[in-house]
Amino acid sequence: MPDSRTQKLARLLVEHSTRVKENEQVAIMGWPEALPLMEAAYEAVLERGGNPVLLLDYALNDEILLKKGSTAQLAYVSPIHRLAFETLDAILKIRAQSNTRLLSGVDP
């Protein structure tokens, strides 16, 4: 059984923060550690009549890009992300990580 706190937070994000309406397209993006909240948000969007899209990301990508990427690569926006930001009605970006020191080795 899902944690009731997770379900309440998902409803807060969907009903209050983004105010999802019927037929709206909503991306739910996040890291594997956030899957319980992402799944609850997915369900909450469906209950509001919206059309959720689940997009899984991985925290290690950020570290690799920040350590090894050029200035041009850091500024690059993928066509997939650009399309999402331009066409979706709402985007929920849910970040959670088990390694809180993941980016501590990246030069600010």
PDB file of N, CA and C in Angstrom:
ATOM      1  N   MET A   1       0.838  -1.188   0.000  1.00  0.00           N
ATOM      2  CA  MET A   1       0.000   0.000   0.000  1.00  0.00           C
ATOM      3  C   MET A   1       0.884   1.253   0.000  1.00  0.00           C
ATOM      4  N   PRO A   2       0.605   2.191  -0.901  1.00  0.00           N
ATOM      5  CA  PRO A   2       1.412   3.416  -0.970  1.00  0.00           C
ATOM      6  C   PRO A   2       1.303   4.238   0.317  1.00  0.00           C
ATOM      7  N   ASP A   3       2.368   4.949   0.615  1.00  0.00           N
ATOM      8  CA  ASP A   3       2.411   5.824   1.784  1.00  0.00           C
ATOM      9  C   ASP A   3       1.407   6.968   1.591  1.00  0.00           C
ATOM     10  N   SER A   4       0.557   7.199   2.585  1.00  0.00           N
ATOM     11  CA  SER A   4      -0.472   8.241   2.467  1.00  0.00           C
ATOM     12  C   SER A   4       0.154   9.635   2.339  1.00  0.00           C
ATOM     13  N   ARG A   5       1.338   9.842   2.934  1.00  0.00           N
ATOM     14  CA  ARG A   5       2.008  11.141   2.815  1.00  0.00           C
ATOM     15  C   ARG A   5       2.438  11.403   1.375  1.00  0.00           C
ATOM     16  N   THR A   6       2.888  10.350   0.705  1.00  0.00           N
ATOM     17  CA  THR A   6       3.291  10.473  -0.698  1.00  0.00           C
ATOM     18  C   THR A   6       2.083  10.814  -1.558  1.00  0.00           C
ATOM     19  N   GLN A   7       0.971  10.150  -1.301  1.00  0.00           N
ATOM     20  CA  GLN A   7      -0.246  10.427  -2.063  1.00  0.00           C
ATOM     21  C   GLN A   7      -0.743  11.850  -1.825  1.00  0.00           C
ATOM     22  N   LYS A   8      -0.671  12.325  -0.580  1.00  0.00           N
ATOM     23  CA  LYS A   8      -1.093  13.695  -0.265  1.00  0.00           C
ATOM     24  C   LYS A   8      -0.204  14.714  -0.968  1.00  0.00           C
ATOM     25  N   LEU A   9       1.098  14.473  -0.971  1.00  0.00           N
ATOM     26  CA  LEU A   9       2.020  15.383  -1.643  1.00  0.00           C
ATOM     27  C   LEU A   9       1.765  15.401  -3.146  1.00  0.00           C
ATOM     28  N   ALA A  10       1.519  14.233  -3.714  1.00  0.00           N
ATOM     29  CA  ALA A  10       1.223  14.151  -5.155  1.00  0.00           C
ATOM     30  C   ALA A  10      -0.038  14.941  -5.484  1.00  0.00           C
ATOM     31  N   ARG A  11      -1.069  14.786  -4.670  1.00  0.00           N
ATOM     32  CA  ARG A  11      -2.315  15.534  -4.904  1.00  0.00           C
ATOM     33  C   ARG A  11      -2.068  17.045  -4.775  1.00  0.00           C
ATOM     34  N   LEU A  12      -1.249  17.443  -3.819  1.00  0.00           N
ATOM     35  CA  LEU A  12      -0.915  18.857  -3.649  1.00  0.00           C
ATOM     36  C   LEU A  12      -0.221  19.401  -4.903  1.00  0.00           C
ATOM     37  N   LEU A  13       0.726  18.648  -5.420  1.00  0.00           N
ATOM     38  CA  LEU A  13       1.445  19.066  -6.629  1.00  0.00           C
ATOM     39  C   LEU A  13       0.517  19.179  -7.835  1.00  0.00           C
ATOM     40  N   VAL A  14      -0.377  18.215  -7.970  1.00  0.00           N
ATOM     41  CA  VAL A  14      -1.240  18.146  -9.153  1.00  0.00           C
ATOM     42  C   VAL A  14      -2.450  19.075  -9.049  1.00  0.00           C
ATOM     43  N   GLU A  15      -3.066  19.124  -7.868  1.00  0.00           N
ATOM     44  CA  GLU A  15      -4.294  19.904  -7.716  1.00  0.00           C
ATOM     45  C   GLU A  15      -4.032  21.372  -7.378  1.00  0.00           C
ATOM     46  N   HIS A  16      -2.979  21.655  -6.635  1.00  0.00           N
ATOM     47  CA  HIS A  16      -2.733  23.031  -6.201  1.00  0.00           C
ATOM     48  C   HIS A  16      -1.581  23.694  -6.970  1.00  0.00           C
ATOM     49  N   SER A  17      -0.422  23.048  -6.985  1.00  0.00           N
ATOM     50  CA  SER A  17       0.761  23.675  -7.592  1.00  0.00           C
ATOM     51  C   SER A  17       0.640  23.831  -9.103  1.00  0.00           C
ATOM     52  N   THR A  18       0.148  22.798  -9.777  1.00  0.00           N
ATOM     53  CA  THR A  18       0.037  22.872 -11.247  1.00  0.00           C
ATOM     54  C   THR A  18      -1.403  23.018 -11.718  1.00  0.00           C
ATOM     55  N   ARG A  19      -2.367  22.748 -10.836  1.00  0.00           N
ATOM     56  CA  ARG A  19      -3.804  22.868 -11.163  1.00  0.00           C
ATOM     57  C   ARG A  19      -4.138  22.173 -12.478  1.00  0.00           C
ATOM     58  N   VAL A  20      -3.777  20.915 -12.570  1.00  0.00           N
ATOM     59  CA  VAL A  20      -4.012  20.138 -13.782  1.00  0.00           C
ATOM     60  C   VAL A  20      -5.505  20.065 -14.084  1.00  0.00           C
ATOM     61  N   LYS A  21      -5.825  20.273 -15.356  1.00  0.00           N
ATOM     62  CA  LYS A  21      -7.215  20.210 -15.819  1.00  0.00           C
ATOM     63  C   LYS A  21      -7.370  19.054 -16.811  1.00  0.00           C
ATOM     64  N   GLU A  22      -8.609  18.755 -17.116  1.00  0.00           N
ATOM     65  CA  GLU A  22      -8.916  17.670 -18.039  1.00  0.00           C
ATOM     66  C   GLU A  22      -8.235  17.903 -19.394  1.00  0.00           C
ATOM     67  N   ASN A  23      -7.687  16.829 -19.940  1.00  0.00           N
ATOM     68  CA  ASN A  23      -7.021  16.796 -21.249  1.00  0.00           C
ATOM     69  C   ASN A  23      -5.682  17.527 -21.310  1.00  0.00           C
ATOM     70  N   GLU A  24      -5.195  18.051 -20.201  1.00  0.00           N
ATOM     71  CA  GLU A  24      -3.880  18.680 -20.219  1.00  0.00           C
ATOM     72  C   GLU A  24      -2.789  17.609 -20.266  1.00  0.00           C
ATOM     73  N   GLN A  25      -1.692  17.949 -20.928  1.00  0.00           N
ATOM     74  CA  GLN A  25      -0.541  17.059 -21.021  1.00  0.00           C
ATOM     75  C   GLN A  25       0.455  17.451 -19.928  1.00  0.00           C
ATOM     76  N   VAL A  26       0.812  16.472 -19.105  1.00  0.00           N
ATOM     77  CA  VAL A  26       1.675  16.740 -17.956  1.00  0.00           C
ATOM     78  C   VAL A  26       2.859  15.782 -17.949  1.00  0.00           C
ATOM     79  N   ALA A  27       4.066  16.325 -17.981  1.00  0.00           N
ATOM     80  CA  ALA A  27       5.267  15.497 -17.855  1.00  0.00           C
ATOM     81  C   ALA A  27       5.616  15.387 -16.383  1.00  0.00           C
ATOM     82  N   ILE A  28       5.950  14.188 -15.969  1.00  0.00           N
ATOM     83  CA  ILE A  28       6.422  13.947 -14.610  1.00  0.00           C
ATOM     84  C   ILE A  28       7.843  13.424 -14.764  1.00  0.00           C
ATOM     85  N   MET A  29       8.800  14.279 -14.437  1.00  0.00           N
ATOM     86  CA  MET A  29      10.206  13.961 -14.635  1.00  0.00           C
ATOM     87  C   MET A  29      10.871  13.758 -13.276  1.00  0.00           C
ATOM     88  N   GLY A  30      11.775  12.801 -13.196  1.00  0.00           N
ATOM     89  CA  GLY A  30      12.471  12.619 -11.930  1.00  0.00           C
ATOM     90  C   GLY A  30      13.475  11.497 -11.959  1.00  0.00           C
ATOM     91  N   TRP A  31      14.135  11.338 -10.841  1.00  0.00           N
ATOM     92  CA  TRP A  31      15.172  10.328 -10.663  1.00  0.00           C
ATOM     93  C   TRP A  31      14.573   9.064 -10.069  1.00  0.00           C
ATOM     94  N   PRO A  32      15.230   7.934 -10.225  1.00  0.00           N
ATOM     95  CA  PRO A  32      14.698   6.660  -9.715  1.00  0.00           C
ATOM     96  C   PRO A  32      14.301   6.699  -8.239  1.00  0.00           C
ATOM     97  N   GLU A  33      15.046   7.447  -7.431  1.00  0.00           N
ATOM     98  CA  GLU A  33      14.728   7.524  -6.004  1.00  0.00           C
ATOM     99  C   GLU A  33      13.368   8.188  -5.756  1.00  0.00           C
ATOM    100  N   ALA A  34      12.881   8.932  -6.734  1.00  0.00           N
ATOM    101  CA  ALA A  34      11.604   9.642  -6.597  1.00  0.00           C
ATOM    102  C   ALA A  34      10.424   8.857  -7.169  1.00  0.00           C
ATOM    103  N   LEU A  35      10.665   7.630  -7.598  1.00  0.00           N
ATOM    104  CA  LEU A  35       9.593   6.861  -8.246  1.00  0.00           C
ATOM    105  C   LEU A  35       8.294   6.761  -7.448  1.00  0.00           C
ATOM    106  N   PRO A  36       8.317   6.535  -6.145  1.00  0.00           N
ATOM    107  CA  PRO A  36       7.034   6.463  -5.437  1.00  0.00           C
ATOM    108  C   PRO A  36       6.192   7.738  -5.596  1.00  0.00           C
ATOM    109  N   LEU A  37       6.829   8.911  -5.487  1.00  0.00           N
ATOM    110  CA  LEU A  37       6.097  10.167  -5.661  1.00  0.00           C
ATOM    111  C   LEU A  37       5.711  10.372  -7.124  1.00  0.00           C
ATOM    112  N   MET A  38       6.580   9.982  -8.042  1.00  0.00           N
ATOM    113  CA  MET A  38       6.266  10.107  -9.463  1.00  0.00           C
ATOM    114  C   MET A  38       5.047   9.258  -9.823  1.00  0.00           C
ATOM    115  N   GLU A  39       5.005   8.039  -9.302  1.00  0.00           N
ATOM    116  CA  GLU A  39       3.869   7.155  -9.573  1.00  0.00           C
ATOM    117  C   GLU A  39       2.583   7.715  -8.975  1.00  0.00           C
ATOM    118  N   ALA A  40       2.672   8.256  -7.773  1.00  0.00           N
ATOM    119  CA  ALA A  40       1.494   8.852  -7.135  1.00  0.00           C
ATOM    120  C   ALA A  40       1.019  10.074  -7.923  1.00  0.00           C
ATOM    121  N   ALA A  41       1.959  10.879  -8.431  1.00  0.00           N
ATOM    122  CA  ALA A  41       1.599  12.043  -9.248  1.00  0.00           C
ATOM    123  C   ALA A  41       0.974  11.599 -10.559  1.00  0.00           C
ATOM    124  N   TYR A  42       1.490  10.532 -11.140  1.00  0.00           N
ATOM    125  CA  TYR A  42       0.943   9.979 -12.379  1.00  0.00           C
ATOM    126  C   TYR A  42      -0.536   9.621 -12.165  1.00  0.00           C
ATOM    127  N   GLU A  43      -0.794   8.942 -11.059  1.00  0.00           N
ATOM    128  CA  GLU A  43      -2.163   8.547 -10.736  1.00  0.00           C
ATOM    129  C   GLU A  43      -3.047   9.769 -10.486  1.00  0.00           C
ATOM    130  N   ALA A  44      -2.523  10.768  -9.787  1.00  0.00           N
ATOM    131  CA  ALA A  44      -3.293  11.976  -9.500  1.00  0.00           C
ATOM    132  C   ALA A  44      -3.639  12.740 -10.775  1.00  0.00           C
ATOM    133  N   VAL A  45      -2.709  12.783 -11.732  1.00  0.00           N
ATOM    134  CA  VAL A  45      -2.984  13.448 -13.018  1.00  0.00           C
ATOM    135  C   VAL A  45      -4.103  12.707 -13.746  1.00  0.00           C
ATOM    136  N   LEU A  46      -4.041  11.390 -13.745  1.00  0.00           N
ATOM    137  CA  LEU A  46      -5.102  10.594 -14.382  1.00  0.00           C
ATOM    138  C   LEU A  46      -6.457  10.874 -13.739  1.00  0.00           C
ATOM    139  N   GLU A  47      -6.474  10.948 -12.397  1.00  0.00           N
ATOM    140  CA  GLU A  47      -7.728  11.205 -11.685  1.00  0.00           C
ATOM    141  C   GLU A  47      -8.314  12.565 -12.033  1.00  0.00           C
ATOM    142  N   ARG A  48      -7.473  13.540 -12.385  1.00  0.00           N
ATOM    143  CA  ARG A  48      -7.940  14.879 -12.778  1.00  0.00           C
ATOM    144  C   ARG A  48      -8.311  14.946 -14.250  1.00  0.00           C
ATOM    145  N   GLY A  49      -8.148  13.826 -14.977  1.00  0.00           N
ATOM    146  CA  GLY A  49      -8.485  13.808 -16.395  1.00  0.00           C
ATOM    147  C   GLY A  49      -7.356  14.232 -17.305  1.00  0.00           C
ATOM    148  N   GLY A  50      -6.170  14.413 -16.741  1.00  0.00           N
ATOM    149  CA  GLY A  50      -5.020  14.810 -17.542  1.00  0.00           C
ATOM    150  C   GLY A  50      -4.344  13.624 -18.194  1.00  0.00           C
ATOM    151  N   ASN A  51      -3.375  13.914 -19.030  1.00  0.00           N
ATOM    152  CA  ASN A  51      -2.618  12.903 -19.761  1.00  0.00           C
ATOM    153  C   ASN A  51      -1.163  12.954 -19.316  1.00  0.00           C
ATOM    154  N   PRO A  52      -0.785  12.090 -18.353  1.00  0.00           N
ATOM    155  CA  PRO A  52       0.580  12.131 -17.828  1.00  0.00           C
ATOM    156  C   PRO A  52       1.584  11.396 -18.719  1.00  0.00           C
ATOM    157  N   VAL A  53       2.802  11.908 -18.716  1.00  0.00           N
ATOM    158  CA  VAL A  53       3.928  11.274 -19.400  1.00  0.00           C
ATOM    159  C   VAL A  53       5.039  11.153 -18.372  1.00  0.00           C
ATOM    160  N   LEU A  54       5.526   9.955 -18.150  1.00  0.00           N
ATOM    161  CA  LEU A  54       6.563   9.715 -17.154  1.00  0.00           C
ATOM    162  C   LEU A  54       7.928   9.706 -17.839  1.00  0.00           C
ATOM    163  N   LEU A  55       8.847  10.545 -17.371  1.00  0.00           N
ATOM    164  CA  LEU A  55      10.190  10.650 -17.946  1.00  0.00           C
ATOM    165  C   LEU A  55      11.220  10.444 -16.840  1.00  0.00           C
ATOM    166  N   LEU A  56      11.941   9.354 -16.910  1.00  0.00           N
ATOM    167  CA  LEU A  56      12.919   9.022 -15.886  1.00  0.00           C
ATOM    168  C   LEU A  56      14.275   9.618 -16.251  1.00  0.00           C
ATOM    169  N   ASP A  57      14.918  10.234 -15.275  1.00  0.00           N
ATOM    170  CA  ASP A  57      16.236  10.846 -15.445  1.00  0.00           C
ATOM    171  C   ASP A  57      17.192  10.136 -14.495  1.00  0.00           C
ATOM    172  N   TYR A  58      18.451  10.445 -14.601  1.00  0.00           N
ATOM    173  CA  TYR A  58      19.446   9.801 -13.760  1.00  0.00           C
ATOM    174  C   TYR A  58      20.430  10.842 -13.275  1.00  0.00           C
ATOM    175  N   ALA A  59      20.626  10.940 -11.966  1.00  0.00           N
ATOM    176  CA  ALA A  59      21.455  11.983 -11.362  1.00  0.00           C
ATOM    177  C   ALA A  59      22.903  11.956 -11.837  1.00  0.00           C
ATOM    178  N   LEU A  60      23.438  10.794 -12.115  1.00  0.00           N
ATOM    179  CA  LEU A  60      24.835  10.687 -12.529  1.00  0.00           C
ATOM    180  C   LEU A  60      25.092  11.462 -13.814  1.00  0.00           C
ATOM    181  N   ASN A  61      24.077  11.585 -14.678  1.00  0.00           N
ATOM    182  CA  ASN A  61      24.242  12.367 -15.905  1.00  0.00           C
ATOM    183  C   ASN A  61      24.664  13.795 -15.598  1.00  0.00           C
ATOM    184  N   ASP A  62      24.070  14.394 -14.566  1.00  0.00           N
ATOM    185  CA  ASP A  62      24.416  15.771 -14.190  1.00  0.00           C
ATOM    186  C   ASP A  62      25.881  15.882 -13.796  1.00  0.00           C
ATOM    187  N   GLU A  63      26.339  14.950 -12.989  1.00  0.00           N
ATOM    188  CA  GLU A  63      27.729  14.984 -12.538  1.00  0.00           C
ATOM    189  C   GLU A  63      28.689  14.854 -13.718  1.00  0.00           C
ATOM    190  N   ILE A  64      28.437  13.911 -14.594  1.00  0.00           N
ATOM    191  CA  ILE A  64      29.314  13.699 -15.752  1.00  0.00           C
ATOM    192  C   ILE A  64      29.326  14.938 -16.642  1.00  0.00           C
ATOM    193  N   LEU A  65      28.145  15.487 -16.929  1.00  0.00           N
ATOM    194  CA  LEU A  65      28.064  16.677 -17.776  1.00  0.00           C
ATOM    195  C   LEU A  65      28.802  17.854 -17.152  1.00  0.00           C
ATOM    196  N   LEU A  66      28.603  18.082 -15.861  1.00  0.00           N
ATOM    197  CA  LEU A  66      29.255  19.216 -15.202  1.00  0.00           C
ATOM    198  C   LEU A  66      30.765  19.057 -15.110  1.00  0.00           C
ATOM    199  N   LYS A  67      31.244  17.828 -14.979  1.00  0.00           N
ATOM    200  CA  LYS A  67      32.691  17.593 -14.884  1.00  0.00           C
ATOM    201  C   LYS A  67      33.367  17.601 -16.248  1.00  0.00           C
ATOM    202  N   LYS A  68      32.739  17.040 -17.252  1.00  0.00           N
ATOM    203  CA  LYS A  68      33.417  16.817 -18.529  1.00  0.00           C
ATOM    204  C   LYS A  68      32.876  17.637 -19.699  1.00  0.00           C
ATOM    205  N   GLY A  69      31.719  18.262 -19.522  1.00  0.00           N
ATOM    206  CA  GLY A  69      31.102  18.984 -20.632  1.00  0.00           C
ATOM    207  C   GLY A  69      31.770  20.321 -20.920  1.00  0.00           C
ATOM    208  N   SER A  70      31.793  20.676 -22.187  1.00  0.00           N
ATOM    209  CA  SER A  70      32.300  21.989 -22.601  1.00  0.00           C
ATOM    210  C   SER A  70      31.227  23.037 -22.322  1.00  0.00           C
ATOM    211  N   THR A  71      31.592  24.303 -22.477  1.00  0.00           N
ATOM    212  CA  THR A  71      30.625  25.384 -22.285  1.00  0.00           C
ATOM    213  C   THR A  71      29.453  25.217 -23.242  1.00  0.00           C
ATOM    214  N   ALA A  72      29.742  24.842 -24.480  1.00  0.00           N
ATOM    215  CA  ALA A  72      28.681  24.639 -25.475  1.00  0.00           C
ATOM    216  C   ALA A  72      27.775  23.474 -25.076  1.00  0.00           C
ATOM    217  N   GLN A  73      28.355  22.409 -24.554  1.00  0.00           N
ATOM    218  CA  GLN A  73      27.555  21.262 -24.135  1.00  0.00           C
ATOM    219  C   GLN A  73      26.700  21.602 -22.919  1.00  0.00           C
ATOM    220  N   LEU A  74      27.226  22.421 -22.020  1.00  0.00           N
ATOM    221  CA  LEU A  74      26.447  22.840 -20.856  1.00  0.00           C
ATOM    222  C   LEU A  74      25.259  23.713 -21.268  1.00  0.00           C
ATOM    223  N   ALA A  75      25.409  24.473 -22.337  1.00  0.00           N
ATOM    224  CA  ALA A  75      24.346  25.359 -22.810  1.00  0.00           C
ATOM    225  C   ALA A  75      23.340  24.645 -23.726  1.00  0.00           C
ATOM    226  N   TYR A  76      23.687  23.468 -24.198  1.00  0.00           N
ATOM    227  CA  TYR A  76      22.856  22.727 -25.151  1.00  0.00           C
ATOM    228  C   TYR A  76      21.518  22.306 -24.527  1.00  0.00           C
ATOM    229  N   VAL A  77      20.449  22.499 -25.268  1.00  0.00           N
ATOM    230  CA  VAL A  77      19.127  22.018 -24.866  1.00  0.00           C
ATOM    231  C   VAL A  77      18.691  21.008 -25.921  1.00  0.00           C
ATOM    232  N   SER A  78      18.432  19.789 -25.493  1.00  0.00           N
ATOM    233  CA  SER A  78      18.071  18.746 -26.450  1.00  0.00           C
ATOM    234  C   SER A  78      16.730  19.080 -27.110  1.00  0.00           C
ATOM    235  N   PRO A  79      16.558  18.671 -28.361  1.00  0.00           N
ATOM    236  CA  PRO A  79      15.285  18.916 -29.054  1.00  0.00           C
ATOM    237  C   PRO A  79      14.105  18.260 -28.329  1.00  0.00           C
ATOM    238  N   ILE A  80      14.349  17.154 -27.676  1.00  0.00           N
ATOM    239  CA  ILE A  80      13.282  16.463 -26.949  1.00  0.00           C
ATOM    240  C   ILE A  80      12.830  17.318 -25.763  1.00  0.00           C
ATOM    241  N   HIS A  81      13.788  17.846 -24.990  1.00  0.00           N
ATOM    242  CA  HIS A  81      13.424  18.703 -23.862  1.00  0.00           C
ATOM    243  C   HIS A  81      12.781  20.004 -24.348  1.00  0.00           C
ATOM    244  N   ARG A  82      13.307  20.569 -25.414  1.00  0.00           N
ATOM    245  CA  ARG A  82      12.734  21.806 -25.957  1.00  0.00           C
ATOM    246  C   ARG A  82      11.276  21.580 -26.357  1.00  0.00           C
ATOM    247  N   LEU A  83      11.010  20.474 -27.041  1.00  0.00           N
ATOM    248  CA  LEU A  83       9.644  20.146 -27.446  1.00  0.00           C
ATOM    249  C   LEU A  83       8.738  19.995 -26.223  1.00  0.00           C
ATOM    250  N   ALA A  84       9.234  19.312 -25.202  1.00  0.00           N
ATOM    251  CA  ALA A  84       8.444  19.130 -23.978  1.00  0.00           C
ATOM    252  C   ALA A  84       8.120  20.474 -23.343  1.00  0.00           C
ATOM    253  N   PHE A  85       9.120  21.342 -23.196  1.00  0.00           N
ATOM    254  CA  PHE A  85       8.905  22.631 -22.543  1.00  0.00           C
ATOM    255  C   PHE A  85       7.978  23.535 -23.349  1.00  0.00           C
ATOM    256  N   GLU A  86       7.985  23.384 -24.664  1.00  0.00           N
ATOM    257  CA  GLU A  86       7.156  24.249 -25.510  1.00  0.00           C
ATOM    258  C   GLU A  86       5.736  23.729 -25.692  1.00  0.00           C
ATOM    259  N   THR A  87       5.505  22.435 -25.541  1.00  0.00           N
ATOM    260  CA  THR A  87       4.190  21.892 -25.873  1.00  0.00           C
ATOM    261  C   THR A  87       3.380  21.362 -24.694  1.00  0.00           C
ATOM    262  N   LEU A  88       4.024  20.967 -23.631  1.00  0.00           N
ATOM    263  CA  LEU A  88       3.282  20.415 -22.497  1.00  0.00           C
ATOM    264  C   LEU A  88       2.619  21.527 -21.690  1.00  0.00           C
ATOM    265  N   ASP A  89       1.515  21.182 -21.050  1.00  0.00           N
ATOM    266  CA  ASP A  89       0.797  22.155 -20.228  1.00  0.00           C
ATOM    267  C   ASP A  89       1.448  22.333 -18.857  1.00  0.00           C
ATOM    268  N   ALA A  90       2.065  21.273 -18.343  1.00  0.00           N
ATOM    269  CA  ALA A  90       2.723  21.341 -17.033  1.00  0.00           C
ATOM    270  C   ALA A  90       3.848  20.324 -16.974  1.00  0.00           C
ATOM    271  N   ILE A  91       4.864  20.655 -16.198  1.00  0.00           N
ATOM    272  CA  ILE A  91       5.980  19.737 -15.981  1.00  0.00           C
ATOM    273  C   ILE A  91       6.250  19.676 -14.479  1.00  0.00           C
ATOM    274  N   LEU A  92       6.234  18.476 -13.945  1.00  0.00           N
ATOM    275  CA  LEU A  92       6.618  18.257 -12.548  1.00  0.00           C
ATOM    276  C   LEU A  92       8.009  17.649 -12.560  1.00  0.00           C
ATOM    277  N   LYS A  93       8.974  18.335 -12.016  1.00  0.00           N
ATOM    278  CA  LYS A  93      10.345  17.823 -11.930  1.00  0.00           C
ATOM    279  C   LYS A  93      10.573  17.440 -10.480  1.00  0.00           C
ATOM    280  N   ILE A  94      10.672  16.153 -10.228  1.00  0.00           N
ATOM    281  CA  ILE A  94      10.798  15.648  -8.866  1.00  0.00           C
ATOM    282  C   ILE A  94      12.196  15.070  -8.698  1.00  0.00           C
ATOM    283  N   ARG A  95      12.977  15.702  -7.845  1.00  0.00           N
ATOM    284  CA  ARG A  95      14.351  15.257  -7.621  1.00  0.00           C
ATOM    285  C   ARG A  95      14.468  14.645  -6.240  1.00  0.00           C
ATOM    286  N   ALA A  96      15.151  13.559  -6.173  1.00  0.00           N
ATOM    287  CA  ALA A  96      15.449  12.898  -4.908  1.00  0.00           C
ATOM    288  C   ALA A  96      16.704  12.083  -5.154  1.00  0.00           C
ATOM    289  N   GLN A  97      17.599  12.080  -4.217  1.00  0.00           N
ATOM    290  CA  GLN A  97      18.805  11.293  -4.433  1.00  0.00           C
ATOM    291  C   GLN A  97      19.261  10.651  -3.141  1.00  0.00           C
ATOM    292  N   SER A  98      19.875   9.511  -3.306  1.00  0.00           N
ATOM    293  CA  SER A  98      20.377   8.787  -2.136  1.00  0.00           C
ATOM    294  C   SER A  98      21.792   9.240  -1.777  1.00  0.00           C
ATOM    295  N   ASN A  99      22.520   9.802  -2.733  1.00  0.00           N
ATOM    296  CA  ASN A  99      23.879  10.273  -2.496  1.00  0.00           C
ATOM    297  C   ASN A  99      23.865  11.799  -2.437  1.00  0.00           C
ATOM    298  N   THR A 100      23.794  12.351  -1.255  1.00  0.00           N
ATOM    299  CA  THR A 100      23.716  13.805  -1.106  1.00  0.00           C
ATOM    300  C   THR A 100      25.029  14.507  -1.430  1.00  0.00           C
ATOM    301  N   ARG A 101      26.103  13.755  -1.607  1.00  0.00           N
ATOM    302  CA  ARG A 101      27.401  14.352  -1.933  1.00  0.00           C
ATOM    303  C   ARG A 101      27.767  14.145  -3.404  1.00  0.00           C
ATOM    304  N   LEU A 102      26.789  13.770  -4.214  1.00  0.00           N
ATOM    305  CA  LEU A 102      27.032  13.430  -5.612  1.00  0.00           C
ATOM    306  C   LEU A 102      27.789  14.531  -6.365  1.00  0.00           C
ATOM    307  N   LEU A 103      27.398  15.752  -6.215  1.00  0.00           N
ATOM    308  CA  LEU A 103      28.028  16.843  -6.969  1.00  0.00           C
ATOM    309  C   LEU A 103      29.105  17.579  -6.174  1.00  0.00           C
ATOM    310  N   SER A 104      29.528  17.022  -5.059  1.00  0.00           N
ATOM    311  CA  SER A 104      30.531  17.701  -4.232  1.00  0.00           C
ATOM    312  C   SER A 104      31.904  17.755  -4.911  1.00  0.00           C
ATOM    313  N   GLY A 105      32.149  16.892  -5.875  1.00  0.00           N
ATOM    314  CA  GLY A 105      33.425  16.900  -6.569  1.00  0.00           C
ATOM    315  C   GLY A 105      33.440  17.762  -7.824  1.00  0.00           C
ATOM    316  N   VAL A 106      32.359  18.485  -8.080  1.00  0.00           N
ATOM    317  CA  VAL A 106      32.266  19.341  -9.263  1.00  0.00           C
ATOM    318  C   VAL A 106      32.713  20.744  -8.899  1.00  0.00           C
ATOM    319  N   ASP A 107      33.597  21.299  -9.720  1.00  0.00           N
ATOM    320  CA  ASP A 107      34.096  22.650  -9.497  1.00  0.00           C
ATOM    321  C   ASP A 107      32.955  23.649  -9.730  1.00  0.00           C
ATOM    322  N   PRO A 108      32.699  24.512  -8.741  1.00  0.00           N
ATOM    323  CA  PRO A 108      31.592  25.477  -8.885  1.00  0.00           C
ATOM    324  C   PRO A 108      31.917  26.483  -9.966  1.00  0.00           C
TER     325      PRO A 108
END
